[in-house]
Amino acid sequence: MSENPEINLEMLLDVNVTLSVELGRTKMTIKELMALNKGSIIDMAREVTEPMDLMVNGTLIARGDVVESDGQFGLRLLDIVSPDERLKPLK
């Protein structure tokens, strides 16, 4: 087996992945969760001006600003996470 095998990425091009935009995260107790009802506000611990996180299958790959595009939400990418940073959680 060679030390640096060539990787054929073309075989992965048709694999479906799930993209999601994360508004923010927070932690709460089960008691706090059970107390939520219609109209409750949950603080996401993120400033309104901060860019949103673009996740692919749960891994951060980019950050961007929310925009409107043809009556739907979109994301204008501002920063792409380096491949090394994206692979860190997998190691």
C-alpha atoms as a PDB file:
ATOM      1  CA  MET A   1       0.000   0.000   0.000  1.00  0.00           C
ATOM      2  CA  SER A   2       1.430   3.387  -0.943  1.00  0.00           C
ATOM      3  CA  GLU A   3       1.938   6.141   1.621  1.00  0.00           C
ATOM      4  CA  ASN A   4      -0.032   8.751  -0.318  1.00  0.00           C
ATOM      5  CA  PRO A   5      -2.902   7.024  -2.125  1.00  0.00           C
ATOM      6  CA  GLU A   6      -4.832   9.166  -4.597  1.00  0.00           C
ATOM      7  CA  ILE A   7      -8.363   9.904  -3.481  1.00  0.00           C
ATOM      8  CA  ASN A   8     -11.092   9.900  -6.121  1.00  0.00           C
ATOM      9  CA  LEU A   9     -13.563  12.491  -4.818  1.00  0.00           C
ATOM     10  CA  GLU A  10     -15.821  12.139  -7.849  1.00  0.00           C
ATOM     11  CA  MET A  11     -17.415   9.060  -6.321  1.00  0.00           C
ATOM     12  CA  LEU A  12     -18.697  11.276  -3.455  1.00  0.00           C
ATOM     13  CA  LEU A  13     -20.210  14.057  -5.560  1.00  0.00           C
ATOM     14  CA  ASP A  14     -23.721  12.517  -5.592  1.00  0.00           C
ATOM     15  CA  VAL A  15     -23.864  11.817  -1.832  1.00  0.00           C
ATOM     16  CA  ASN A  16     -26.671  13.784  -0.153  1.00  0.00           C
ATOM     17  CA  VAL A  17     -25.809  15.873   2.903  1.00  0.00           C
ATOM     18  CA  THR A  18     -28.000  17.956   5.204  1.00  0.00           C
ATOM     19  CA  LEU A  19     -27.267  21.679   5.435  1.00  0.00           C
ATOM     20  CA  SER A  20     -28.641  23.665   8.349  1.00  0.00           C
ATOM     21  CA  VAL A  21     -28.181  27.183   9.660  1.00  0.00           C
ATOM     22  CA  GLU A  22     -27.770  27.477  13.403  1.00  0.00           C
ATOM     23  CA  LEU A  23     -29.254  30.548  15.027  1.00  0.00           C
ATOM     24  CA  GLY A  24     -27.611  29.794  18.372  1.00  0.00           C
ATOM     25  CA  ARG A  25     -27.414  27.357  21.253  1.00  0.00           C
ATOM     26  CA  THR A  26     -28.378  27.361  24.877  1.00  0.00           C
ATOM     27  CA  LYS A  27     -28.568  24.951  27.783  1.00  0.00           C
ATOM     28  CA  MET A  28     -31.491  24.562  30.130  1.00  0.00           C
ATOM     29  CA  THR A  29     -32.742  22.101  32.671  1.00  0.00           C
ATOM     30  CA  ILE A  30     -35.570  19.678  31.961  1.00  0.00           C
ATOM     31  CA  LYS A  31     -37.652  21.705  34.430  1.00  0.00           C
ATOM     32  CA  GLU A  32     -37.049  24.890  32.406  1.00  0.00           C
ATOM     33  CA  LEU A  33     -37.805  23.035  29.167  1.00  0.00           C
ATOM     34  CA  MET A  34     -41.082  21.680  30.544  1.00  0.00           C
ATOM     35  CA  ALA A  35     -42.109  25.206  31.606  1.00  0.00           C
ATOM     36  CA  LEU A  36     -41.966  26.516  28.012  1.00  0.00           C
ATOM     37  CA  ASN A  37     -45.238  27.391  26.366  1.00  0.00           C
ATOM     38  CA  LYS A  38     -46.556  29.405  23.450  1.00  0.00           C
ATOM     39  CA  GLY A  39     -44.991  32.864  23.553  1.00  0.00           C
ATOM     40  CA  SER A  40     -41.955  31.787  25.612  1.00  0.00           C
ATOM     41  CA  ILE A  41     -38.668  33.402  24.594  1.00  0.00           C
ATOM     42  CA  ILE A  42     -35.446  31.397  24.683  1.00  0.00           C
ATOM     43  CA  ASP A  43     -32.185  33.368  24.814  1.00  0.00           C
ATOM     44  CA  MET A  44     -29.794  31.859  22.263  1.00  0.00           C
ATOM     45  CA  ALA A  45     -26.709  33.556  23.758  1.00  0.00           C
ATOM     46  CA  ARG A  46     -25.722  35.084  20.422  1.00  0.00           C
ATOM     47  CA  GLU A  47     -25.654  38.732  19.406  1.00  0.00           C
ATOM     48  CA  VAL A  48     -28.089  39.781  16.683  1.00  0.00           C
ATOM     49  CA  THR A  49     -25.192  41.086  14.568  1.00  0.00           C
ATOM     50  CA  GLU A  50     -23.180  37.841  14.735  1.00  0.00           C
ATOM     51  CA  PRO A  51     -23.124  35.685  11.605  1.00  0.00           C
ATOM     52  CA  MET A  52     -25.055  32.412  11.583  1.00  0.00           C
ATOM     53  CA  ASP A  53     -23.288  29.033  11.462  1.00  0.00           C
ATOM     54  CA  LEU A  54     -23.708  26.861   8.361  1.00  0.00           C
ATOM     55  CA  MET A  55     -23.561  23.215   9.366  1.00  0.00           C
ATOM     56  CA  VAL A  56     -23.233  20.195   7.069  1.00  0.00           C
ATOM     57  CA  ASN A  57     -24.321  17.002   8.808  1.00  0.00           C
ATOM     58  CA  GLY A  58     -23.679  18.769  12.126  1.00  0.00           C
ATOM     59  CA  THR A  59     -20.170  20.016  11.243  1.00  0.00           C
ATOM     60  CA  LEU A  60     -19.473  23.753  11.019  1.00  0.00           C
ATOM     61  CA  ILE A  61     -18.247  24.627   7.518  1.00  0.00           C
ATOM     62  CA  ALA A  62     -19.021  28.336   7.127  1.00  0.00           C
ATOM     63  CA  ARG A  63     -20.568  31.463   8.643  1.00  0.00           C
ATOM     64  CA  GLY A  64     -22.796  34.003   6.989  1.00  0.00           C
ATOM     65  CA  ASP A  65     -25.545  36.593   7.109  1.00  0.00           C
ATOM     66  CA  VAL A  66     -29.205  35.739   6.679  1.00  0.00           C
ATOM     67  CA  VAL A  67     -30.676  37.283   3.527  1.00  0.00           C
ATOM     68  CA  GLU A  68     -34.022  37.191   1.736  1.00  0.00           C
ATOM     69  CA  SER A  69     -34.038  35.555  -1.692  1.00  0.00           C
ATOM     70  CA  ASP A  70     -37.271  35.315  -3.701  1.00  0.00           C
ATOM     71  CA  GLY A  71     -39.389  35.362  -0.540  1.00  0.00           C
ATOM     72  CA  GLN A  72     -37.289  32.713   1.218  1.00  0.00           C
ATOM     73  CA  PHE A  73     -34.403  32.788   3.655  1.00  0.00           C
ATOM     74  CA  GLY A  74     -30.884  32.430   2.309  1.00  0.00           C
ATOM     75  CA  LEU A  75     -27.367  32.703   3.677  1.00  0.00           C
ATOM     76  CA  ARG A  76     -24.645  34.963   2.259  1.00  0.00           C
ATOM     77  CA  LEU A  77     -21.358  33.265   3.142  1.00  0.00           C
ATOM     78  CA  LEU A  78     -18.824  35.501   4.887  1.00  0.00           C
ATOM     79  CA  ASP A  79     -16.244  32.975   6.069  1.00  0.00           C
ATOM     80  CA  ILE A  80     -15.420  29.385   5.095  1.00  0.00           C
ATOM     81  CA  VAL A  81     -13.919  27.168   7.798  1.00  0.00           C
ATOM     82  CA  SER A  82     -10.575  25.706   6.702  1.00  0.00           C
ATOM     83  CA  PRO A  83     -10.495  21.983   5.839  1.00  0.00           C
ATOM     84  CA  ASP A  84      -8.150  21.371   8.797  1.00  0.00           C
ATOM     85  CA  GLU A  85     -10.638  22.985  11.207  1.00  0.00           C
ATOM     86  CA  ARG A  86     -13.547  20.992   9.690  1.00  0.00           C
ATOM     87  CA  LEU A  87     -11.701  17.715  10.197  1.00  0.00           C
ATOM     88  CA  LYS A  88     -10.689  18.363  13.846  1.00  0.00           C
ATOM     89  CA  PRO A  89     -13.956  16.998  15.342  1.00  0.00           C
ATOM     90  CA  LEU A  90     -13.540  13.808  13.302  1.00  0.00           C
ATOM     91  CA  LYS A  91     -10.126  12.996  14.764  1.00  0.00           C
END
